[in-house]
Amino acid sequence: LIFLLQKKRATAQYEFKAETEEELGFSKGDVVTILEEVDSNWWKGELHGQEGLFPAAYVRVLDS
């Protein structure tokens, strides 16, 4: 069951500025915890206690 608790993490390859309250903004190099892969374009993540959507193409998933 331990593997179910481990969340994927990804490094931001580009800066993303949130334009709505539903989006998660980040800077290049930030490490985002992936909460959900909503679809192939948008993922839900968490960074510094904030949750929101961001473009999947802006991050690179880290090896676990």
PDB file of N, CA and C in Angstrom:
ATOM      1  N   LEU A   1       0.809  -1.217   0.000  1.00  0.00           N
ATOM      2  CA  LEU A   1       0.000   0.000   0.000  1.00  0.00           C
ATOM      3  C   LEU A   1       0.841   1.264   0.000  1.00  0.00           C
ATOM      4  N   ILE A   2       2.094   1.151   0.353  1.00  0.00           N
ATOM      5  CA  ILE A   2       2.947   2.343   0.441  1.00  0.00           C
ATOM      6  C   ILE A   2       3.048   3.058  -0.902  1.00  0.00           C
ATOM      7  N   PHE A   3       3.150   2.289  -1.991  1.00  0.00           N
ATOM      8  CA  PHE A   3       3.313   2.932  -3.298  1.00  0.00           C
ATOM      9  C   PHE A   3       2.109   3.794  -3.667  1.00  0.00           C
ATOM     10  N   LEU A   4       0.942   3.493  -3.116  1.00  0.00           N
ATOM     11  CA  LEU A   4      -0.248   4.293  -3.405  1.00  0.00           C
ATOM     12  C   LEU A   4      -0.157   5.675  -2.767  1.00  0.00           C
ATOM     13  N   LEU A   5       0.615   5.787  -1.704  1.00  0.00           N
ATOM     14  CA  LEU A   5       0.720   7.056  -0.991  1.00  0.00           C
ATOM     15  C   LEU A   5       1.764   7.978  -1.606  1.00  0.00           C
ATOM     16  N   GLN A   6       2.655   7.414  -2.411  1.00  0.00           N
ATOM     17  CA  GLN A   6       3.702   8.236  -3.009  1.00  0.00           C
ATOM     18  C   GLN A   6       3.135   9.002  -4.204  1.00  0.00           C
ATOM     19  N   LYS A   7       3.289  10.296  -4.175  1.00  0.00           N
ATOM     20  CA  LYS A   7       2.802  11.140  -5.265  1.00  0.00           C
ATOM     21  C   LYS A   7       3.934  11.374  -6.261  1.00  0.00           C
ATOM     22  N   LYS A   8       3.555  11.483  -7.518  1.00  0.00           N
ATOM     23  CA  LYS A   8       4.555  11.836  -8.533  1.00  0.00           C
ATOM     24  C   LYS A   8       4.902  13.310  -8.372  1.00  0.00           C
ATOM     25  N   ARG A   9       6.140  13.626  -8.664  1.00  0.00           N
ATOM     26  CA  ARG A   9       6.576  15.016  -8.621  1.00  0.00           C
ATOM     27  C   ARG A   9       7.175  15.370  -9.966  1.00  0.00           C
ATOM     28  N   ALA A  10       7.133  16.645 -10.275  1.00  0.00           N
ATOM     29  CA  ALA A  10       7.631  17.105 -11.569  1.00  0.00           C
ATOM     30  C   ALA A  10       8.339  18.439 -11.397  1.00  0.00           C
ATOM     31  N   THR A  11       9.373  18.639 -12.198  1.00  0.00           N
ATOM     32  CA  THR A  11      10.119  19.894 -12.190  1.00  0.00           C
ATOM     33  C   THR A  11       9.582  20.804 -13.287  1.00  0.00           C
ATOM     34  N   ALA A  12       9.323  22.053 -12.919  1.00  0.00           N
ATOM     35  CA  ALA A  12       8.841  23.032 -13.896  1.00  0.00           C
ATOM     36  C   ALA A  12       9.956  23.369 -14.881  1.00  0.00           C
ATOM     37  N   GLN A  13       9.673  23.213 -16.158  1.00  0.00           N
ATOM     38  CA  GLN A  13      10.639  23.520 -17.211  1.00  0.00           C
ATOM     39  C   GLN A  13      10.517  24.972 -17.675  1.00  0.00           C
ATOM     40  N   TYR A  14       9.370  25.572 -17.381  1.00  0.00           N
ATOM     41  CA  TYR A  14       9.082  26.953 -17.786  1.00  0.00           C
ATOM     42  C   TYR A  14       8.294  27.616 -16.664  1.00  0.00           C
ATOM     43  N   GLU A  15       8.295  28.935 -16.643  1.00  0.00           N
ATOM     44  CA  GLU A  15       7.437  29.675 -15.728  1.00  0.00           C
ATOM     45  C   GLU A  15       6.002  29.587 -16.230  1.00  0.00           C
ATOM     46  N   PHE A  16       5.055  29.447 -15.304  1.00  0.00           N
ATOM     47  CA  PHE A  16       3.638  29.474 -15.657  1.00  0.00           C
ATOM     48  C   PHE A  16       2.932  30.449 -14.730  1.00  0.00           C
ATOM     49  N   LYS A  17       2.297  31.463 -15.314  1.00  0.00           N
ATOM     50  CA  LYS A  17       1.553  32.445 -14.530  1.00  0.00           C
ATOM     51  C   LYS A  17       0.079  32.055 -14.513  1.00  0.00           C
ATOM     52  N   ALA A  18      -0.456  31.830 -13.307  1.00  0.00           N
ATOM     53  CA  ALA A  18      -1.870  31.480 -13.168  1.00  0.00           C
ATOM     54  C   ALA A  18      -2.722  32.665 -13.611  1.00  0.00           C
ATOM     55  N   GLU A  19      -3.733  32.389 -14.424  1.00  0.00           N
ATOM     56  CA  GLU A  19      -4.633  33.444 -14.895  1.00  0.00           C
ATOM     57  C   GLU A  19      -5.999  33.377 -14.228  1.00  0.00           C
ATOM     58  N   THR A  20      -6.294  32.259 -13.548  1.00  0.00           N
ATOM     59  CA  THR A  20      -7.551  32.123 -12.808  1.00  0.00           C
ATOM     60  C   THR A  20      -7.237  31.523 -11.441  1.00  0.00           C
ATOM     61  N   GLU A  21      -8.224  31.530 -10.545  1.00  0.00           N
ATOM     62  CA  GLU A  21      -8.031  30.958  -9.211  1.00  0.00           C
ATOM     63  C   GLU A  21      -7.867  29.446  -9.262  1.00  0.00           C
ATOM     64  N   GLU A  22      -8.318  28.820 -10.359  1.00  0.00           N
ATOM     65  CA  GLU A  22      -8.216  27.360 -10.479  1.00  0.00           C
ATOM     66  C   GLU A  22      -6.821  26.913 -10.927  1.00  0.00           C
ATOM     67  N   GLU A  23      -6.003  27.851 -11.382  1.00  0.00           N
ATOM     68  CA  GLU A  23      -4.686  27.495 -11.915  1.00  0.00           C
ATOM     69  C   GLU A  23      -3.598  27.640 -10.853  1.00  0.00           C
ATOM     70  N   LEU A  24      -2.527  26.865 -11.028  1.00  0.00           N
ATOM     71  CA  LEU A  24      -1.381  26.885 -10.122  1.00  0.00           C
ATOM     72  C   LEU A  24      -0.192  27.493 -10.853  1.00  0.00           C
ATOM     73  N   GLY A  25       0.240  28.647 -10.411  1.00  0.00           N
ATOM     74  CA  GLY A  25       1.401  29.289 -11.014  1.00  0.00           C
ATOM     75  C   GLY A  25       2.684  28.771 -10.387  1.00  0.00           C
ATOM     76  N   PHE A  26       3.779  28.783 -11.159  1.00  0.00           N
ATOM     77  CA  PHE A  26       5.073  28.360 -10.635  1.00  0.00           C
ATOM     78  C   PHE A  26       6.185  28.975 -11.456  1.00  0.00           C
ATOM     79  N   SER A  27       7.390  28.897 -10.898  1.00  0.00           N
ATOM     80  CA  SER A  27       8.590  29.394 -11.571  1.00  0.00           C
ATOM     81  C   SER A  27       9.377  28.223 -12.132  1.00  0.00           C
ATOM     82  N   LYS A  28      10.196  28.493 -13.128  1.00  0.00           N
ATOM     83  CA  LYS A  28      11.075  27.459 -13.684  1.00  0.00           C
ATOM     84  C   LYS A  28      11.929  26.892 -12.557  1.00  0.00           C
ATOM     85  N   GLY A  29      12.006  25.565 -12.483  1.00  0.00           N
ATOM     86  CA  GLY A  29      12.797  24.905 -11.456  1.00  0.00           C
ATOM     87  C   GLY A  29      12.015  24.476 -10.231  1.00  0.00           C
ATOM     88  N   ASP A  30      10.795  25.006 -10.045  1.00  0.00           N
ATOM     89  CA  ASP A  30       9.962  24.573  -8.920  1.00  0.00           C
ATOM     90  C   ASP A  30       9.619  23.094  -9.073  1.00  0.00           C
ATOM     91  N   VAL A  31       9.477  22.396  -7.946  1.00  0.00           N
ATOM     92  CA  VAL A  31       9.080  20.985  -7.967  1.00  0.00           C
ATOM     93  C   VAL A  31       7.629  20.901  -7.505  1.00  0.00           C
ATOM     94  N   VAL A  32       6.764  20.498  -8.420  1.00  0.00           N
ATOM     95  CA  VAL A  32       5.323  20.425  -8.182  1.00  0.00           C
ATOM     96  C   VAL A  32       4.939  18.982  -7.868  1.00  0.00           C
ATOM     97  N   THR A  33       4.085  18.794  -6.858  1.00  0.00           N
ATOM     98  CA  THR A  33       3.529  17.471  -6.570  1.00  0.00           C
ATOM     99  C   THR A  33       2.292  17.289  -7.436  1.00  0.00           C
ATOM    100  N   ILE A  34       2.256  16.212  -8.212  1.00  0.00           N
ATOM    101  CA  ILE A  34       1.125  15.957  -9.109  1.00  0.00           C
ATOM    102  C   ILE A  34       0.033  15.242  -8.327  1.00  0.00           C
ATOM    103  N   LEU A  35      -1.148  15.845  -8.284  1.00  0.00           N
ATOM    104  CA  LEU A  35      -2.280  15.264  -7.566  1.00  0.00           C
ATOM    105  C   LEU A  35      -3.188  14.469  -8.493  1.00  0.00           C
ATOM    106  N   GLU A  36      -3.317  14.937  -9.732  1.00  0.00           N
ATOM    107  CA  GLU A  36      -4.234  14.287 -10.676  1.00  0.00           C
ATOM    108  C   GLU A  36      -3.851  14.663 -12.100  1.00  0.00           C
ATOM    109  N   GLU A  37      -3.900  13.690 -12.990  1.00  0.00           N
ATOM    110  CA  GLU A  37      -3.713  13.966 -14.413  1.00  0.00           C
ATOM    111  C   GLU A  37      -5.108  14.124 -15.001  1.00  0.00           C
ATOM    112  N   VAL A  38      -5.584  15.367 -15.057  1.00  0.00           N
ATOM    113  CA  VAL A  38      -6.959  15.663 -15.466  1.00  0.00           C
ATOM    114  C   VAL A  38      -7.203  15.193 -16.894  1.00  0.00           C
ATOM    115  N   ASP A  39      -6.308  15.566 -17.792  1.00  0.00           N
ATOM    116  CA  ASP A  39      -6.323  15.060 -19.166  1.00  0.00           C
ATOM    117  C   ASP A  39      -4.901  15.169 -19.699  1.00  0.00           C
ATOM    118  N   SER A  40      -4.713  14.972 -20.988  1.00  0.00           N
ATOM    119  CA  SER A  40      -3.343  14.973 -21.511  1.00  0.00           C
ATOM    120  C   SER A  40      -2.710  16.363 -21.509  1.00  0.00           C
ATOM    121  N   ASN A  41      -3.518  17.405 -21.404  1.00  0.00           N
ATOM    122  CA  ASN A  41      -2.995  18.775 -21.448  1.00  0.00           C
ATOM    123  C   ASN A  41      -2.864  19.439 -20.082  1.00  0.00           C
ATOM    124  N   TRP A  42      -3.770  19.138 -19.169  1.00  0.00           N
ATOM    125  CA  TRP A  42      -3.819  19.817 -17.870  1.00  0.00           C
ATOM    126  C   TRP A  42      -3.738  18.823 -16.724  1.00  0.00           C
ATOM    127  N   TRP A  43      -2.885  19.132 -15.756  1.00  0.00           N
ATOM    128  CA  TRP A  43      -2.761  18.329 -14.547  1.00  0.00           C
ATOM    129  C   TRP A  43      -3.078  19.204 -13.349  1.00  0.00           C
ATOM    130  N   LYS A  44      -3.485  18.560 -12.253  1.00  0.00           N
ATOM    131  CA  LYS A  44      -3.705  19.265 -10.990  1.00  0.00           C
ATOM    132  C   LYS A  44      -2.508  18.987 -10.097  1.00  0.00           C
ATOM    133  N   GLY A  45      -1.987  20.035  -9.478  1.00  0.00           N
ATOM    134  CA  GLY A  45      -0.810  19.869  -8.642  1.00  0.00           C
ATOM    135  C   GLY A  45      -0.847  20.733  -7.403  1.00  0.00           C
ATOM    136  N   GLU A  46       0.180  20.555  -6.560  1.00  0.00           N
ATOM    137  CA  GLU A  46       0.300  21.309  -5.316  1.00  0.00           C
ATOM    138  C   GLU A  46       1.715  21.855  -5.207  1.00  0.00           C
ATOM    139  N   LEU A  47       1.810  23.099  -4.766  1.00  0.00           N
ATOM    140  CA  LEU A  47       3.102  23.751  -4.564  1.00  0.00           C
ATOM    141  C   LEU A  47       2.944  24.779  -3.455  1.00  0.00           C
ATOM    142  N   HIS A  48       3.777  24.698  -2.436  1.00  0.00           N
ATOM    143  CA  HIS A  48       3.757  25.652  -1.316  1.00  0.00           C
ATOM    144  C   HIS A  48       2.364  25.779  -0.702  1.00  0.00           C
ATOM    145  N   GLY A  49       1.656  24.647  -0.561  1.00  0.00           N
ATOM    146  CA  GLY A  49       0.335  24.667   0.070  1.00  0.00           C
ATOM    147  C   GLY A  49      -0.797  25.116  -0.829  1.00  0.00           C
ATOM    148  N   GLN A  50      -0.500  25.452  -2.076  1.00  0.00           N
ATOM    149  CA  GLN A  50      -1.532  25.877  -3.032  1.00  0.00           C
ATOM    150  C   GLN A  50      -1.791  24.747  -4.014  1.00  0.00           C
ATOM    151  N   GLU A  51      -3.062  24.567  -4.389  1.00  0.00           N
ATOM    152  CA  GLU A  51      -3.422  23.553  -5.379  1.00  0.00           C
ATOM    153  C   GLU A  51      -4.039  24.225  -6.593  1.00  0.00           C
ATOM    154  N   GLY A  52      -3.831  23.624  -7.762  1.00  0.00           N
ATOM    155  CA  GLY A  52      -4.453  24.163  -8.962  1.00  0.00           C
ATOM    156  C   GLY A  52      -4.027  23.419 -10.209  1.00  0.00           C
ATOM    157  N   LEU A  53      -4.599  23.842 -11.320  1.00  0.00           N
ATOM    158  CA  LEU A  53      -4.320  23.234 -12.618  1.00  0.00           C
ATOM    159  C   LEU A  53      -3.136  23.923 -13.284  1.00  0.00           C
ATOM    160  N   PHE A  54      -2.396  23.137 -14.059  1.00  0.00           N
ATOM    161  CA  PHE A  54      -1.278  23.693 -14.819  1.00  0.00           C
ATOM    162  C   PHE A  54      -1.091  22.869 -16.085  1.00  0.00           C
ATOM    163  N   PRO A  55      -0.451  23.450 -17.110  1.00  0.00           N
ATOM    164  CA  PRO A  55      -0.235  22.702 -18.355  1.00  0.00           C
ATOM    165  C   PRO A  55       0.822  21.613 -18.168  1.00  0.00           C
ATOM    166  N   ALA A  56       0.451  20.390 -18.506  1.00  0.00           N
ATOM    167  CA  ALA A  56       1.352  19.244 -18.341  1.00  0.00           C
ATOM    168  C   ALA A  56       2.647  19.430 -19.128  1.00  0.00           C
ATOM    169  N   ALA A  57       2.575  20.120 -20.248  1.00  0.00           N
ATOM    170  CA  ALA A  57       3.756  20.305 -21.101  1.00  0.00           C
ATOM    171  C   ALA A  57       4.813  21.204 -20.450  1.00  0.00           C
ATOM    172  N   TYR A  58       4.454  21.904 -19.375  1.00  0.00           N
ATOM    173  CA  TYR A  58       5.390  22.817 -18.724  1.00  0.00           C
ATOM    174  C   TYR A  58       6.279  22.127 -17.694  1.00  0.00           C
ATOM    175  N   VAL A  59       6.039  20.840 -17.429  1.00  0.00           N
ATOM    176  CA  VAL A  59       6.811  20.147 -16.401  1.00  0.00           C
ATOM    177  C   VAL A  59       7.428  18.857 -16.931  1.00  0.00           C
ATOM    178  N   ARG A  60       8.456  18.374 -16.241  1.00  0.00           N
ATOM    179  CA  ARG A  60       9.064  17.077 -16.539  1.00  0.00           C
ATOM    180  C   ARG A  60       8.944  16.224 -15.283  1.00  0.00           C
ATOM    181  N   VAL A  61       8.297  15.069 -15.402  1.00  0.00           N
ATOM    182  CA  VAL A  61       8.090  14.182 -14.256  1.00  0.00           C
ATOM    183  C   VAL A  61       9.433  13.628 -13.793  1.00  0.00           C
ATOM    184  N   LEU A  62       9.638  13.663 -12.478  1.00  0.00           N
ATOM    185  CA  LEU A  62      10.868  13.135 -11.888  1.00  0.00           C
ATOM    186  C   LEU A  62      10.769  11.623 -11.759  1.00  0.00           C
ATOM    187  N   ASP A  63      11.892  10.942 -11.904  1.00  0.00           N
ATOM    188  CA  ASP A  63      11.926   9.497 -11.676  1.00  0.00           C
ATOM    189  C   ASP A  63      11.706   9.237 -10.196  1.00  0.00           C
ATOM    190  N   SER A  64      10.893   8.209  -9.884  1.00  0.00           N
ATOM    191  CA  SER A  64      10.637   7.937  -8.468  1.00  0.00           C
ATOM    192  C   SER A  64      11.688   7.058  -7.852  1.00  0.00           C
TER     193      SER A  64
END
